[in-house]
């Protein structure tokens, strides 16, 4: 999904694949445990440690709330200089055409990182 004026960094579901993200989180968890003070580790119950790390590294899948979606549209001028299917004599300056801008506010709960991870087919 792309917004007018957005960059590839704004695309949904494209920044990392699920397996690489999961592996990075696993390594971060491992490093966090290894860097823990030995005395603290020995004097903390395994249940407390498990609860701490489970809450710290829990991933809550985003849940969209469609009943709260807000959509706004307005007329705008759109720069089409990058549109290679258009005949434009001088591509050294912007070329604008009339268009419609649609803003969508999509309320959700959960971890926003879920919108950056490319889903796996497995």
N, C-alpha and C. Protein backbone atom coordinates (compact mmCIF):
# COMPACT_ATOMS: atom_id res chain seq x y z
N UNK A 1 0.85 -1.15 0.00
CA UNK A 1 0.00 0.00 0.00
C UNK A 1 0.90 1.23 0.00
N UNK A 2 0.57 2.23 -0.80
CA UNK A 2 1.43 3.40 -0.91
C UNK A 2 0.63 4.67 -0.81
N UNK A 3 1.20 5.64 -0.14
CA UNK A 3 0.60 6.96 -0.05
C UNK A 3 1.32 7.88 -1.03
N UNK A 4 0.58 8.89 -1.50
CA UNK A 4 1.22 9.91 -2.34
C UNK A 4 2.29 10.59 -1.51
N UNK A 5 3.46 10.75 -2.07
CA UNK A 5 4.53 11.42 -1.36
C UNK A 5 5.29 10.50 -0.42
N UNK A 6 4.91 9.24 -0.39
CA UNK A 6 5.60 8.33 0.53
C UNK A 6 6.86 7.79 -0.14
N UNK A 7 7.70 7.23 0.67
CA UNK A 7 8.92 6.62 0.17
C UNK A 7 8.81 5.11 0.37
N UNK A 8 9.68 4.33 -0.25
CA UNK A 8 9.63 2.88 -0.04
C UNK A 8 9.72 2.49 1.43
N UNK A 9 10.31 3.33 2.28
CA UNK A 9 10.39 3.03 3.70
C UNK A 9 9.01 3.08 4.36
N UNK A 10 8.04 3.70 3.71
CA UNK A 10 6.69 3.80 4.26
C UNK A 10 5.80 2.63 3.85
N UNK A 11 6.26 1.77 2.97
CA UNK A 11 5.44 0.66 2.49
C UNK A 11 5.12 -0.28 3.64
N UNK A 12 3.96 -0.90 3.58
CA UNK A 12 3.59 -1.90 4.57
C UNK A 12 4.19 -3.25 4.19
N UNK A 13 4.49 -4.05 5.19
CA UNK A 13 4.91 -5.44 5.04
C UNK A 13 6.12 -5.62 4.12
N UNK A 14 7.15 -4.81 4.30
CA UNK A 14 8.29 -4.93 3.38
C UNK A 14 9.67 -4.81 4.03
N UNK A 15 9.77 -4.34 5.26
CA UNK A 15 11.09 -4.02 5.82
C UNK A 15 11.92 -5.26 6.15
N UNK A 16 11.29 -6.32 6.58
CA UNK A 16 12.05 -7.53 6.94
C UNK A 16 11.14 -8.74 6.81
N UNK A 17 11.74 -9.89 6.59
CA UNK A 17 10.92 -11.08 6.56
C UNK A 17 10.75 -11.62 7.98
N UNK A 18 9.74 -12.44 8.18
CA UNK A 18 9.40 -12.92 9.50
C UNK A 18 10.56 -13.68 10.15
N UNK A 19 11.21 -14.56 9.38
CA UNK A 19 12.27 -15.39 9.96
C UNK A 19 13.46 -14.55 10.42
N UNK A 20 13.85 -13.56 9.64
CA UNK A 20 14.96 -12.69 10.03
C UNK A 20 14.59 -11.87 11.27
N UNK A 21 13.37 -11.38 11.32
CA UNK A 21 12.92 -10.61 12.48
C UNK A 21 12.90 -11.48 13.73
N UNK A 22 12.35 -12.66 13.60
CA UNK A 22 12.28 -13.59 14.73
C UNK A 22 13.68 -13.97 15.21
N UNK A 23 14.59 -14.19 14.28
CA UNK A 23 15.97 -14.53 14.64
C UNK A 23 16.65 -13.36 15.36
N UNK A 24 16.41 -12.14 14.90
CA UNK A 24 17.00 -10.95 15.56
C UNK A 24 16.47 -10.81 16.98
N UNK A 25 15.18 -11.04 17.17
CA UNK A 25 14.60 -10.97 18.52
C UNK A 25 15.19 -12.05 19.42
N UNK A 26 15.37 -13.24 18.87
CA UNK A 26 15.95 -14.35 19.64
C UNK A 26 17.37 -14.01 20.09
N UNK A 27 18.16 -13.44 19.18
CA UNK A 27 19.54 -13.05 19.51
C UNK A 27 19.55 -11.93 20.55
N UNK A 28 18.62 -10.99 20.44
CA UNK A 28 18.53 -9.91 21.43
C UNK A 28 18.18 -10.47 22.80
N UNK A 29 17.27 -11.42 22.85
CA UNK A 29 16.90 -12.07 24.11
C UNK A 29 18.10 -12.80 24.70
N UNK A 30 18.81 -13.54 23.87
CA UNK A 30 19.99 -14.28 24.32
C UNK A 30 21.06 -13.33 24.88
N UNK A 31 21.31 -12.24 24.17
CA UNK A 31 22.30 -11.25 24.62
C UNK A 31 21.87 -10.60 25.93
N UNK A 32 20.59 -10.35 26.07
CA UNK A 32 20.06 -9.74 27.29
C UNK A 32 20.27 -10.67 28.49
N UNK A 33 20.02 -11.94 28.30
CA UNK A 33 20.20 -12.92 29.38
C UNK A 33 21.69 -13.06 29.72
N UNK A 34 22.54 -13.13 28.70
CA UNK A 34 23.98 -13.29 28.93
C UNK A 34 24.60 -12.07 29.62
N UNK A 35 24.02 -10.90 29.41
CA UNK A 35 24.58 -9.70 30.01
C UNK A 35 24.07 -9.45 31.44
N UNK A 36 23.16 -10.30 31.89
CA UNK A 36 22.59 -10.13 33.23
C UNK A 36 23.64 -10.44 34.29
N UNK A 37 23.64 -9.67 35.35
CA UNK A 37 24.54 -9.87 36.48
C UNK A 37 24.32 -11.27 37.06
N UNK A 38 25.40 -12.02 37.26
CA UNK A 38 25.32 -13.40 37.75
C UNK A 38 24.64 -13.52 39.10
N UNK A 39 24.94 -12.60 40.03
CA UNK A 39 24.31 -12.65 41.35
C UNK A 39 22.80 -12.41 41.24
N UNK A 40 22.44 -11.46 40.40
CA UNK A 40 21.02 -11.17 40.20
C UNK A 40 20.31 -12.38 39.58
N UNK A 41 20.98 -13.02 38.63
CA UNK A 41 20.42 -14.19 37.98
C UNK A 41 20.18 -15.33 38.98
N UNK A 42 21.16 -15.56 39.87
CA UNK A 42 21.04 -16.63 40.85
C UNK A 42 20.01 -16.32 41.94
N UNK A 43 19.80 -15.03 42.23
CA UNK A 43 18.91 -14.65 43.32
C UNK A 43 17.50 -14.29 42.86
N UNK A 44 17.20 -14.53 41.60
CA UNK A 44 15.85 -14.26 41.07
C UNK A 44 15.21 -15.59 40.72
N UNK A 45 13.96 -15.74 41.08
CA UNK A 45 13.28 -17.02 40.81
C UNK A 45 13.12 -17.21 39.30
N UNK A 46 13.14 -18.45 38.88
CA UNK A 46 12.99 -18.75 37.45
C UNK A 46 11.63 -18.29 36.94
N UNK A 47 10.62 -18.35 37.80
CA UNK A 47 9.29 -17.88 37.40
C UNK A 47 9.31 -16.39 37.13
N UNK A 48 9.95 -15.62 38.02
CA UNK A 48 10.05 -14.17 37.83
C UNK A 48 10.85 -13.83 36.57
N UNK A 49 11.95 -14.55 36.35
CA UNK A 49 12.76 -14.32 35.14
C UNK A 49 11.94 -14.63 33.89
N UNK A 50 11.24 -15.75 33.91
CA UNK A 50 10.43 -16.15 32.75
C UNK A 50 9.36 -15.10 32.47
N UNK A 51 8.69 -14.63 33.51
CA UNK A 51 7.64 -13.61 33.33
C UNK A 51 8.23 -12.31 32.81
N UNK A 52 9.40 -11.92 33.33
CA UNK A 52 10.05 -10.69 32.88
C UNK A 52 10.38 -10.76 31.39
N UNK A 53 11.06 -11.83 30.99
CA UNK A 53 11.47 -11.94 29.59
C UNK A 53 10.29 -12.18 28.67
N UNK A 54 9.29 -12.90 29.13
CA UNK A 54 8.10 -13.11 28.31
C UNK A 54 7.38 -11.79 28.05
N UNK A 55 7.28 -10.95 29.07
CA UNK A 55 6.59 -9.66 28.87
C UNK A 55 7.45 -8.70 28.04
N UNK A 56 8.77 -8.75 28.23
CA UNK A 56 9.65 -7.84 27.49
C UNK A 56 9.70 -8.19 26.00
N UNK A 57 9.67 -9.47 25.67
CA UNK A 57 9.83 -9.89 24.28
C UNK A 57 8.55 -10.42 23.66
N UNK A 58 7.43 -10.18 24.30
CA UNK A 58 6.15 -10.62 23.76
C UNK A 58 5.83 -9.81 22.50
N UNK A 59 5.28 -10.47 21.51
CA UNK A 59 4.88 -9.79 20.29
C UNK A 59 3.37 -9.90 20.17
N UNK A 60 2.71 -8.76 20.26
CA UNK A 60 1.26 -8.74 20.13
C UNK A 60 0.92 -8.36 18.68
N UNK A 61 0.32 -9.30 17.97
CA UNK A 61 -0.06 -9.07 16.58
C UNK A 61 -1.02 -7.89 16.51
N UNK A 62 -0.81 -6.97 15.58
CA UNK A 62 -1.72 -5.82 15.48
C UNK A 62 -3.15 -6.25 15.18
N UNK A 63 -4.08 -5.61 15.86
CA UNK A 63 -5.50 -5.84 15.62
C UNK A 63 -6.10 -4.51 15.18
N UNK A 64 -6.66 -4.50 13.98
CA UNK A 64 -7.25 -3.28 13.42
C UNK A 64 -8.67 -3.13 13.96
N UNK A 65 -9.06 -1.91 14.24
CA UNK A 65 -10.39 -1.60 14.74
C UNK A 65 -11.17 -0.88 13.63
N UNK A 66 -11.81 -1.65 12.73
CA UNK A 66 -12.46 -1.05 11.56
C UNK A 66 -13.58 -0.06 11.89
N UNK A 67 -14.22 -0.24 13.04
CA UNK A 67 -15.31 0.67 13.41
C UNK A 67 -14.79 2.06 13.75
N UNK A 68 -13.47 2.22 13.92
CA UNK A 68 -12.89 3.51 14.27
C UNK A 68 -12.11 4.15 13.11
N UNK A 69 -12.17 3.57 11.92
CA UNK A 69 -11.45 4.10 10.76
C UNK A 69 -12.00 5.49 10.41
N UNK A 70 -11.09 6.40 10.12
CA UNK A 70 -11.46 7.75 9.69
C UNK A 70 -10.84 7.99 8.32
N UNK A 71 -11.67 8.42 7.36
CA UNK A 71 -11.21 8.66 5.99
C UNK A 71 -11.53 10.10 5.62
N UNK A 72 -10.55 10.77 5.02
CA UNK A 72 -10.74 12.15 4.59
C UNK A 72 -10.17 12.26 3.18
N UNK A 73 -10.88 12.94 2.30
CA UNK A 73 -10.34 13.14 0.94
C UNK A 73 -10.46 14.59 0.55
N UNK A 74 -9.55 15.00 -0.33
CA UNK A 74 -9.55 16.39 -0.79
C UNK A 74 -8.86 16.45 -2.16
N UNK A 75 -9.17 17.49 -2.90
CA UNK A 75 -8.50 17.71 -4.17
C UNK A 75 -7.10 18.22 -3.89
N UNK A 76 -6.15 17.80 -4.73
CA UNK A 76 -4.77 18.22 -4.55
C UNK A 76 -4.05 18.21 -5.89
N UNK A 77 -2.86 18.70 -5.91
CA UNK A 77 -2.00 18.64 -7.09
C UNK A 77 -0.97 17.54 -6.86
N UNK A 78 -0.84 16.62 -7.81
CA UNK A 78 0.06 15.48 -7.68
C UNK A 78 1.21 15.63 -8.67
N UNK A 79 2.43 15.51 -8.17
CA UNK A 79 3.63 15.58 -9.02
C UNK A 79 3.78 14.25 -9.74
N UNK A 80 3.74 14.27 -11.07
CA UNK A 80 3.81 13.04 -11.86
C UNK A 80 5.14 12.91 -12.60
N UNK A 81 6.16 13.63 -12.16
CA UNK A 81 7.44 13.62 -12.86
C UNK A 81 8.06 12.23 -12.90
N UNK A 82 7.78 11.39 -11.90
CA UNK A 82 8.36 10.03 -11.86
C UNK A 82 7.54 9.01 -12.64
N UNK A 83 6.38 9.42 -13.15
CA UNK A 83 5.51 8.50 -13.90
C UNK A 83 6.06 8.34 -15.31
N UNK A 84 6.74 7.24 -15.57
CA UNK A 84 7.40 7.02 -16.87
C UNK A 84 6.41 6.73 -18.00
N UNK A 85 5.14 6.50 -17.66
CA UNK A 85 4.16 6.24 -18.72
C UNK A 85 3.60 7.55 -19.29
N UNK A 86 3.99 8.68 -18.73
CA UNK A 86 3.52 9.99 -19.22
C UNK A 86 4.58 10.63 -20.13
N UNK A 87 4.08 11.29 -21.15
CA UNK A 87 4.98 12.03 -22.04
C UNK A 87 5.28 13.37 -21.37
N UNK A 88 6.52 13.55 -20.94
CA UNK A 88 6.94 14.79 -20.31
C UNK A 88 8.24 15.21 -20.99
N UNK A 89 8.21 16.38 -21.62
CA UNK A 89 9.39 16.86 -22.36
C UNK A 89 10.56 17.18 -21.46
N UNK A 90 10.30 17.85 -20.34
CA UNK A 90 11.37 18.32 -19.47
C UNK A 90 11.21 17.69 -18.09
N UNK A 91 12.00 16.66 -17.79
CA UNK A 91 11.91 15.96 -16.52
C UNK A 91 12.82 16.58 -15.45
N UNK A 92 13.33 17.77 -15.72
CA UNK A 92 14.19 18.44 -14.74
C UNK A 92 13.38 19.25 -13.72
N UNK A 93 12.07 19.37 -13.95
CA UNK A 93 11.23 20.11 -13.02
C UNK A 93 9.92 19.36 -12.80
N UNK A 94 9.25 19.68 -11.72
CA UNK A 94 8.00 19.01 -11.37
C UNK A 94 6.90 19.31 -12.37
N UNK A 95 6.03 18.31 -12.55
CA UNK A 95 4.84 18.46 -13.40
C UNK A 95 3.66 18.01 -12.54
N UNK A 96 2.68 18.89 -12.40
CA UNK A 96 1.55 18.60 -11.53
C UNK A 96 0.27 18.40 -12.32
N UNK A 97 -0.56 17.47 -11.83
CA UNK A 97 -1.90 17.27 -12.39
C UNK A 97 -2.88 17.27 -11.22
N UNK A 98 -4.14 17.56 -11.54
CA UNK A 98 -5.17 17.54 -10.50
C UNK A 98 -5.42 16.09 -10.09
N UNK A 99 -5.61 15.91 -8.79
CA UNK A 99 -5.87 14.56 -8.28
C UNK A 99 -6.62 14.62 -6.97
N UNK A 100 -6.80 13.47 -6.39
CA UNK A 100 -7.49 13.36 -5.11
C UNK A 100 -6.56 12.72 -4.10
N UNK A 101 -6.44 13.33 -2.95
CA UNK A 101 -5.65 12.78 -1.86
C UNK A 101 -6.62 12.17 -0.86
N UNK A 102 -6.35 10.93 -0.47
CA UNK A 102 -7.19 10.25 0.50
C UNK A 102 -6.33 9.91 1.72
N UNK A 103 -6.72 10.42 2.88
CA UNK A 103 -6.03 10.12 4.13
C UNK A 103 -6.88 9.13 4.90
N UNK A 104 -6.23 8.06 5.36
CA UNK A 104 -6.94 7.04 6.12
C UNK A 104 -6.23 6.88 7.47
N UNK A 105 -6.98 7.04 8.53
CA UNK A 105 -6.46 6.80 9.87
C UNK A 105 -7.00 5.44 10.30
N UNK A 106 -6.09 4.51 10.55
CA UNK A 106 -6.45 3.13 10.82
C UNK A 106 -6.06 2.77 12.26
N UNK A 107 -6.96 2.95 13.21
CA UNK A 107 -6.63 2.66 14.61
C UNK A 107 -6.37 1.16 14.82
N UNK A 108 -5.40 0.86 15.66
CA UNK A 108 -5.08 -0.54 15.95
C UNK A 108 -4.47 -0.64 17.33
N UNK A 109 -4.47 -1.85 17.84
CA UNK A 109 -3.75 -2.15 19.07
C UNK A 109 -2.74 -3.23 18.72
N UNK A 110 -1.71 -3.34 19.52
CA UNK A 110 -0.68 -4.34 19.25
C UNK A 110 0.62 -3.69 18.85
N UNK A 111 1.54 -4.51 18.38
CA UNK A 111 2.88 -4.06 18.04
C UNK A 111 2.90 -3.57 16.60
N UNK A 112 3.21 -2.28 16.39
CA UNK A 112 3.21 -1.71 15.04
C UNK A 112 4.25 -2.36 14.13
N UNK A 113 5.26 -3.00 14.71
CA UNK A 113 6.26 -3.70 13.91
C UNK A 113 5.60 -4.75 13.01
N UNK A 114 4.47 -5.25 13.43
CA UNK A 114 3.75 -6.24 12.63
C UNK A 114 3.38 -5.74 11.25
N UNK A 115 3.26 -4.44 11.08
CA UNK A 115 2.95 -3.87 9.77
C UNK A 115 4.19 -3.74 8.88
N UNK A 116 5.37 -3.98 9.45
CA UNK A 116 6.62 -3.86 8.69
C UNK A 116 7.15 -5.22 8.23
N UNK A 117 6.70 -6.29 8.87
CA UNK A 117 7.23 -7.62 8.59
C UNK A 117 6.49 -8.26 7.43
N UNK A 118 7.26 -8.77 6.47
CA UNK A 118 6.65 -9.47 5.35
C UNK A 118 6.16 -10.83 5.83
N UNK A 119 4.89 -11.12 5.65
CA UNK A 119 4.36 -12.41 6.11
C UNK A 119 5.04 -13.58 5.39
N UNK A 120 5.12 -14.68 6.08
CA UNK A 120 5.68 -15.88 5.49
C UNK A 120 4.59 -16.73 4.87
N UNK A 121 4.94 -17.49 3.87
CA UNK A 121 3.95 -18.39 3.26
C UNK A 121 4.00 -19.76 3.89
N UNK A 122 4.87 -19.94 4.87
CA UNK A 122 5.01 -21.26 5.52
C UNK A 122 4.14 -21.35 6.72
